């Protein structure tokens, strides 16, 4: 069973992360607090983590969530070109 999550940014870039990395990114997003898109991106990741791997869809992020996601995942993941 694959426990990895797929993240897709609004520009089409993708990455796959394991559950532990996803939790670290979600926690970093919560710490960003009021930065636009941080809370919604964190909530999307948290929901995906709780979803059974058989039912899990890729986590898609909006342009608004992009800066928060970039900050939270910096150094944690490598994004493929979109």
Protein backbone atom coordinates (compact mmCIF):
# COMPACT_ATOMS: atom_id res chain seq x y z
CA UNK A 1 0.00 0.00 0.00
CA UNK A 2 1.43 3.36 -1.06
CA UNK A 3 1.41 5.86 1.81
CA UNK A 4 2.75 8.71 -0.31
CA UNK A 5 0.73 11.78 -1.20
CA UNK A 6 0.93 13.64 -4.49
CA UNK A 7 0.95 17.43 -4.36
CA UNK A 8 0.14 19.49 -7.44
CA UNK A 9 0.75 23.24 -7.51
CA UNK A 10 -1.31 25.63 -9.61
CA UNK A 11 1.57 25.91 -12.11
CA UNK A 12 1.42 22.15 -12.68
CA UNK A 13 4.58 21.25 -10.73
CA UNK A 14 4.23 18.00 -8.77
CA UNK A 15 5.91 16.17 -5.97
CA UNK A 16 5.31 13.01 -3.96
CA UNK A 17 5.82 12.99 -0.21
CA UNK A 18 5.39 10.37 2.45
CA UNK A 19 2.92 10.92 5.28
CA UNK A 20 5.62 12.11 7.69
CA UNK A 21 6.85 14.77 5.25
CA UNK A 22 3.25 15.81 4.58
CA UNK A 23 2.68 16.31 8.31
CA UNK A 24 5.84 18.40 8.60
CA UNK A 25 4.67 20.62 5.73
CA UNK A 26 1.16 20.92 7.20
CA UNK A 27 2.61 21.93 10.58
CA UNK A 28 4.83 24.52 8.90
CA UNK A 29 1.78 25.89 7.09
CA UNK A 30 -0.14 26.22 10.37
CA UNK A 31 2.85 28.11 11.81
CA UNK A 32 2.65 30.59 8.93
CA UNK A 33 -0.71 31.59 10.39
CA UNK A 34 -2.27 34.49 8.58
CA UNK A 35 -0.23 34.22 5.39
CA UNK A 36 -2.76 33.99 2.57
CA UNK A 37 -3.59 30.40 1.73
CA UNK A 38 -1.60 28.81 4.56
CA UNK A 39 -4.57 27.53 6.56
CA UNK A 40 -6.45 26.17 3.54
CA UNK A 41 -3.34 24.41 2.24
CA UNK A 42 -2.71 22.89 5.68
CA UNK A 43 -6.32 21.73 5.93
CA UNK A 44 -6.10 20.12 2.48
CA UNK A 45 -2.99 18.19 3.47
CA UNK A 46 -4.50 17.12 6.81
CA UNK A 47 -7.61 15.81 5.04
CA UNK A 48 -5.50 13.87 2.55
CA UNK A 49 -3.43 12.30 5.32
CA UNK A 50 -6.62 11.04 6.99
CA UNK A 51 -8.00 9.60 3.74
CA UNK A 52 -7.40 5.94 2.98
CA UNK A 53 -4.62 5.51 0.42
CA UNK A 54 -7.10 3.63 -1.79
CA UNK A 55 -9.38 6.68 -1.96
CA UNK A 56 -6.76 9.43 -1.82
CA UNK A 57 -6.70 11.95 -4.64
CA UNK A 58 -3.74 14.23 -5.38
CA UNK A 59 -3.72 17.37 -3.23
CA UNK A 60 -4.16 20.32 -5.57
CA UNK A 61 -3.13 23.78 -4.45
CA UNK A 62 -4.45 27.07 -5.78
CA UNK A 63 -2.32 29.99 -6.85
CA UNK A 64 -3.35 31.75 -3.62
CA UNK A 65 -1.85 28.90 -1.57
CA UNK A 66 1.36 28.89 -3.60
CA UNK A 67 3.54 31.24 -1.56
CA UNK A 68 2.61 29.59 1.73
CA UNK A 69 3.24 26.14 0.25
CA UNK A 70 6.58 27.26 -1.17
CA UNK A 71 7.70 28.53 2.23
CA UNK A 72 6.46 25.49 4.13
CA UNK A 73 7.96 22.93 1.76
CA UNK A 74 11.26 24.72 1.07
CA UNK A 75 14.06 22.22 1.53
CA UNK A 76 11.63 19.37 2.25
CA UNK A 77 10.64 18.36 -1.26
CA UNK A 78 11.80 18.57 -4.85
CA UNK A 79 9.16 19.77 -7.31
CA UNK A 80 9.06 18.52 -10.88
CA UNK A 81 8.52 21.14 -13.58
CA UNK A 82 4.90 21.76 -14.44
